[in-house]
Amino acid sequence: MEEHFELLEHIYEDSEMACFTLKEVIEELKEKDNKIKRLLEDIYQEYSVWEKESLKKLKENQQETKETSRMAKKMAKMGIQKEIKSDNSDSSIADLLIQGISMGSIDMEKKIKAYQEEISKEQFQFAEDFLKFQQKAIRSLKEYL
């Protein structure tokens, strides 16, 4: 991976894992009467767009991508199932997702600062827009706390 594409790779990996996680949470809530489900579906759809767009940009530049490992996905799935089994309230689900998205958001901010001198204006704007999307998702989820 060329250094100036690492930020784009991070966006792809983050959005790919977020899609997996959100899909699992939505699946766990399918038979439940949670008000947060619609918001989760909206956030999932937006992350899906980011995943596809970042993958497209990487492929346009002949960059290899790495999917999240099976073990990481299995651990995430087990954690989600455990959390929802113990408390499937909207507040608990919002808290769980806010924590995950916040970690990604913090990493994104660090990477933007680290790579801002080495990436194109287009890549910088793409990363900034992704960060703004993450922050918006966090604000929306906070309404359920």
C-alpha atoms as a PDB file:
ATOM      1  CA  MET A   1       0.000   0.000   0.000  1.00  0.00           C
ATOM      2  CA  GLU A   2       1.477   3.298  -1.065  1.00  0.00           C
ATOM      3  CA  GLU A   3       1.664   5.706   1.850  1.00  0.00           C
ATOM      4  CA  HIS A   4      -0.648   8.301   0.316  1.00  0.00           C
ATOM      5  CA  PHE A   5      -3.406   5.677  -0.021  1.00  0.00           C
ATOM      6  CA  GLU A   6      -3.307   4.562   3.618  1.00  0.00           C
ATOM      7  CA  LEU A   7      -5.976   7.082   4.571  1.00  0.00           C
ATOM      8  CA  LEU A   8      -8.281   5.774   1.866  1.00  0.00           C
ATOM      9  CA  GLU A   9      -7.571   2.210   3.003  1.00  0.00           C
ATOM     10  CA  HIS A  10      -8.482   3.211   6.551  1.00  0.00           C
ATOM     11  CA  ILE A  11     -11.826   4.617   5.357  1.00  0.00           C
ATOM     12  CA  TYR A  12     -12.514   1.378   3.511  1.00  0.00           C
ATOM     13  CA  GLU A  13     -11.605  -0.836   6.480  1.00  0.00           C
ATOM     14  CA  ASP A  14     -13.540   1.312   8.951  1.00  0.00           C
ATOM     15  CA  SER A  15     -16.670   1.456   6.811  1.00  0.00           C
ATOM     16  CA  GLU A  16     -16.463  -2.272   5.990  1.00  0.00           C
ATOM     17  CA  MET A  17     -16.330  -3.194   9.686  1.00  0.00           C
ATOM     18  CA  ALA A  18     -19.065  -0.687  10.534  1.00  0.00           C
ATOM     19  CA  CYS A  19     -21.322  -2.232   7.877  1.00  0.00           C
ATOM     20  CA  PHE A  20     -20.679  -5.682   9.314  1.00  0.00           C
ATOM     21  CA  THR A  21     -21.366  -4.523  12.867  1.00  0.00           C
ATOM     22  CA  LEU A  22     -24.499  -2.559  12.016  1.00  0.00           C
ATOM     23  CA  LYS A  23     -25.855  -5.442   9.956  1.00  0.00           C
ATOM     24  CA  GLU A  24     -25.360  -7.760  12.933  1.00  0.00           C
ATOM     25  CA  VAL A  25     -27.072  -5.349  15.333  1.00  0.00           C
ATOM     26  CA  ILE A  26     -29.994  -4.866  12.926  1.00  0.00           C
ATOM     27  CA  GLU A  27     -30.309  -8.641  12.580  1.00  0.00           C
ATOM     28  CA  GLU A  28     -30.306  -9.112  16.369  1.00  0.00           C
ATOM     29  CA  LEU A  29     -33.083  -6.504  16.695  1.00  0.00           C
ATOM     30  CA  LYS A  30     -35.210  -7.841  13.827  1.00  0.00           C
ATOM     31  CA  GLU A  31     -37.863  -9.397  16.074  1.00  0.00           C
ATOM     32  CA  LYS A  32     -37.650  -6.682  18.732  1.00  0.00           C
ATOM     33  CA  ASP A  33     -39.599  -3.445  19.048  1.00  0.00           C
ATOM     34  CA  ASN A  34     -36.759  -0.927  19.209  1.00  0.00           C
ATOM     35  CA  LYS A  35     -37.263   2.634  18.006  1.00  0.00           C
ATOM     36  CA  ILE A  36     -33.592   2.954  17.070  1.00  0.00           C
ATOM     37  CA  LYS A  37     -33.829   0.408  14.238  1.00  0.00           C
ATOM     38  CA  ARG A  38     -34.658   2.967  11.533  1.00  0.00           C
ATOM     39  CA  LEU A  39     -31.664   5.114  12.465  1.00  0.00           C
ATOM     40  CA  LEU A  40     -29.394   2.055  12.421  1.00  0.00           C
ATOM     41  CA  GLU A  41     -30.587   1.188   8.933  1.00  0.00           C
ATOM     42  CA  ASP A  42     -29.924   4.762   7.773  1.00  0.00           C
ATOM     43  CA  ILE A  43     -26.407   4.765   9.245  1.00  0.00           C
ATOM     44  CA  TYR A  44     -25.780   1.331   7.717  1.00  0.00           C
ATOM     45  CA  GLN A  45     -26.821   2.621   4.276  1.00  0.00           C
ATOM     46  CA  GLU A  46     -24.488   5.607   4.567  1.00  0.00           C
ATOM     47  CA  TYR A  47     -21.557   3.455   5.691  1.00  0.00           C
ATOM     48  CA  SER A  48     -22.300   1.151   2.762  1.00  0.00           C
ATOM     49  CA  VAL A  49     -21.908   4.067   0.360  1.00  0.00           C
ATOM     50  CA  TRP A  50     -18.577   5.000   1.982  1.00  0.00           C
ATOM     51  CA  GLU A  51     -17.401   1.392   1.760  1.00  0.00           C
ATOM     52  CA  LYS A  52     -18.240   1.147  -1.948  1.00  0.00           C
ATOM     53  CA  GLU A  53     -16.828   4.563  -2.820  1.00  0.00           C
ATOM     54  CA  SER A  54     -13.541   4.042  -0.970  1.00  0.00           C
ATOM     55  CA  LEU A  55     -13.153   0.589  -2.542  1.00  0.00           C
ATOM     56  CA  LYS A  56     -13.794   2.091  -5.970  1.00  0.00           C
ATOM     57  CA  LYS A  57     -11.146   4.785  -5.398  1.00  0.00           C
ATOM     58  CA  LEU A  58      -8.622   2.209  -4.216  1.00  0.00           C
ATOM     59  CA  LYS A  59      -9.229  -0.025  -7.227  1.00  0.00           C
ATOM     60  CA  GLU A  60      -8.971   2.943  -9.609  1.00  0.00           C
ATOM     61  CA  ASN A  61      -5.468   3.409  -8.247  1.00  0.00           C
ATOM     62  CA  GLN A  62      -4.590  -0.303  -8.396  1.00  0.00           C
ATOM     63  CA  GLN A  63      -4.399  -0.566  -4.608  1.00  0.00           C
ATOM     64  CA  GLU A  64      -4.971  -3.844  -2.785  1.00  0.00           C
ATOM     65  CA  THR A  65      -7.581  -3.939  -0.042  1.00  0.00           C
ATOM     66  CA  LYS A  66      -7.780  -5.988   3.113  1.00  0.00           C
ATOM     67  CA  GLU A  67     -11.050  -7.197   4.521  1.00  0.00           C
ATOM     68  CA  THR A  68     -11.455  -7.409   8.249  1.00  0.00           C
ATOM     69  CA  SER A  69     -10.307 -10.800   9.480  1.00  0.00           C
ATOM     70  CA  ARG A  70     -12.831 -13.542  10.155  1.00  0.00           C
ATOM     71  CA  MET A  71     -11.652 -13.676  13.756  1.00  0.00           C
ATOM     72  CA  ALA A  72     -12.292  -9.956  14.290  1.00  0.00           C
ATOM     73  CA  LYS A  73     -15.754 -10.320  12.777  1.00  0.00           C
ATOM     74  CA  LYS A  74     -16.527 -13.397  14.874  1.00  0.00           C
ATOM     75  CA  MET A  75     -15.419 -11.598  18.043  1.00  0.00           C
ATOM     76  CA  ALA A  76     -17.527  -8.557  17.120  1.00  0.00           C
ATOM     77  CA  LYS A  77     -20.553 -10.747  16.433  1.00  0.00           C
ATOM     78  CA  MET A  78     -20.204 -12.541  19.761  1.00  0.00           C
ATOM     79  CA  GLY A  79     -19.808  -9.217  21.581  1.00  0.00           C
ATOM     80  CA  ILE A  80     -22.914  -7.805  19.913  1.00  0.00           C
ATOM     81  CA  GLN A  81     -24.967 -10.883  20.765  1.00  0.00           C
ATOM     82  CA  LYS A  82     -23.807 -10.763  24.380  1.00  0.00           C
ATOM     83  CA  GLU A  83     -24.530  -7.048  24.754  1.00  0.00           C
ATOM     84  CA  ILE A  84     -27.983  -7.247  23.184  1.00  0.00           C
ATOM     85  CA  LYS A  85     -28.873 -10.321  25.237  1.00  0.00           C
ATOM     86  CA  SER A  86     -27.984  -8.508  28.448  1.00  0.00           C
ATOM     87  CA  ASP A  87     -29.652  -5.201  27.492  1.00  0.00           C
ATOM     88  CA  ASN A  88     -31.391  -4.513  24.194  1.00  0.00           C
ATOM     89  CA  SER A  89     -32.664  -1.063  25.131  1.00  0.00           C
ATOM     90  CA  ASP A  90     -32.237   1.718  22.598  1.00  0.00           C
ATOM     91  CA  SER A  91     -29.991   3.509  25.064  1.00  0.00           C
ATOM     92  CA  SER A  92     -27.675   0.525  25.452  1.00  0.00           C
ATOM     93  CA  ILE A  93     -27.473  -0.035  21.695  1.00  0.00           C
ATOM     94  CA  ALA A  94     -26.794   3.653  21.070  1.00  0.00           C
ATOM     95  CA  ASP A  95     -24.050   3.596  23.701  1.00  0.00           C
ATOM     96  CA  LEU A  96     -22.429   0.516  22.155  1.00  0.00           C
ATOM     97  CA  LEU A  97     -22.416   2.030  18.667  1.00  0.00           C
ATOM     98  CA  ILE A  98     -21.292   5.460  19.834  1.00  0.00           C
ATOM     99  CA  GLN A  99     -18.257   3.826  21.426  1.00  0.00           C
ATOM    100  CA  GLY A 100     -17.373   1.991  18.212  1.00  0.00           C
ATOM    101  CA  ILE A 101     -17.928   4.920  15.885  1.00  0.00           C
ATOM    102  CA  SER A 102     -16.041   7.237  18.264  1.00  0.00           C
ATOM    103  CA  MET A 103     -12.984   4.976  18.138  1.00  0.00           C
ATOM    104  CA  GLY A 104     -13.117   5.088  14.345  1.00  0.00           C
ATOM    105  CA  SER A 105     -13.629   8.843  14.392  1.00  0.00           C
ATOM    106  CA  ILE A 106     -10.616   9.414  16.643  1.00  0.00           C
ATOM    107  CA  ASP A 107      -8.461   7.214  14.401  1.00  0.00           C
ATOM    108  CA  MET A 108      -9.734   9.125  11.381  1.00  0.00           C
ATOM    109  CA  GLU A 109      -8.799  12.486  12.914  1.00  0.00           C
ATOM    110  CA  LYS A 110      -5.295  11.233  13.727  1.00  0.00           C
ATOM    111  CA  LYS A 111      -4.806   9.890  10.225  1.00  0.00           C
ATOM    112  CA  ILE A 112      -6.075  13.090   8.593  1.00  0.00           C
ATOM    113  CA  LYS A 113      -3.554  15.101  10.607  1.00  0.00           C
ATOM    114  CA  ALA A 114      -0.764  12.641   9.881  1.00  0.00           C
ATOM    115  CA  TYR A 115      -1.365  12.499   6.122  1.00  0.00           C
ATOM    116  CA  GLN A 116      -2.735  15.957   5.271  1.00  0.00           C
ATOM    117  CA  GLU A 117       0.570  17.072   3.740  1.00  0.00           C
ATOM    118  CA  GLU A 118       0.980  13.914   1.649  1.00  0.00           C
ATOM    119  CA  ILE A 119      -2.457  13.463   0.102  1.00  0.00           C
ATOM    120  CA  SER A 120      -4.317  15.243  -2.653  1.00  0.00           C
ATOM    121  CA  LYS A 121      -6.964  17.849  -1.886  1.00  0.00           C
ATOM    122  CA  GLU A 122      -9.557  15.384  -3.179  1.00  0.00           C
ATOM    123  CA  GLN A 123      -8.398  12.650  -0.788  1.00  0.00           C
ATOM    124  CA  PHE A 124      -8.265  15.149   2.068  1.00  0.00           C
ATOM    125  CA  GLN A 125     -11.830  16.321   1.368  1.00  0.00           C
ATOM    126  CA  PHE A 126     -13.033  12.714   1.071  1.00  0.00           C
ATOM    127  CA  ALA A 127     -11.511  11.932   4.477  1.00  0.00           C
ATOM    128  CA  GLU A 128     -12.926  15.101   6.033  1.00  0.00           C
ATOM    129  CA  ASP A 129     -16.392  14.267   4.695  1.00  0.00           C
ATOM    130  CA  PHE A 130     -16.134  10.749   6.113  1.00  0.00           C
ATOM    131  CA  LEU A 131     -15.164  12.172   9.507  1.00  0.00           C
ATOM    132  CA  LYS A 132     -18.137  14.585   9.382  1.00  0.00           C
ATOM    133  CA  PHE A 133     -20.429  11.653   8.577  1.00  0.00           C
ATOM    134  CA  GLN A 134     -19.102   9.743  11.602  1.00  0.00           C
ATOM    135  CA  GLN A 135     -19.625  12.754  13.857  1.00  0.00           C
ATOM    136  CA  LYS A 136     -23.175  13.187  12.535  1.00  0.00           C
ATOM    137  CA  ALA A 137     -23.908   9.514  13.205  1.00  0.00           C
ATOM    138  CA  ILE A 138     -22.679   9.906  16.786  1.00  0.00           C
ATOM    139  CA  ARG A 139     -24.896  12.972  17.312  1.00  0.00           C
ATOM    140  CA  SER A 140     -27.921  11.084  15.948  1.00  0.00           C
ATOM    141  CA  LEU A 141     -27.263   8.096  18.211  1.00  0.00           C
ATOM    142  CA  LYS A 142     -26.883  10.345  21.274  1.00  0.00           C
ATOM    143  CA  GLU A 143     -30.581  11.178  20.988  1.00  0.00           C
ATOM    144  CA  TYR A 144     -31.275   7.622  22.198  1.00  0.00           C
ATOM    145  CA  LEU A 145     -29.091   7.797  25.332  1.00  0.00           C
END
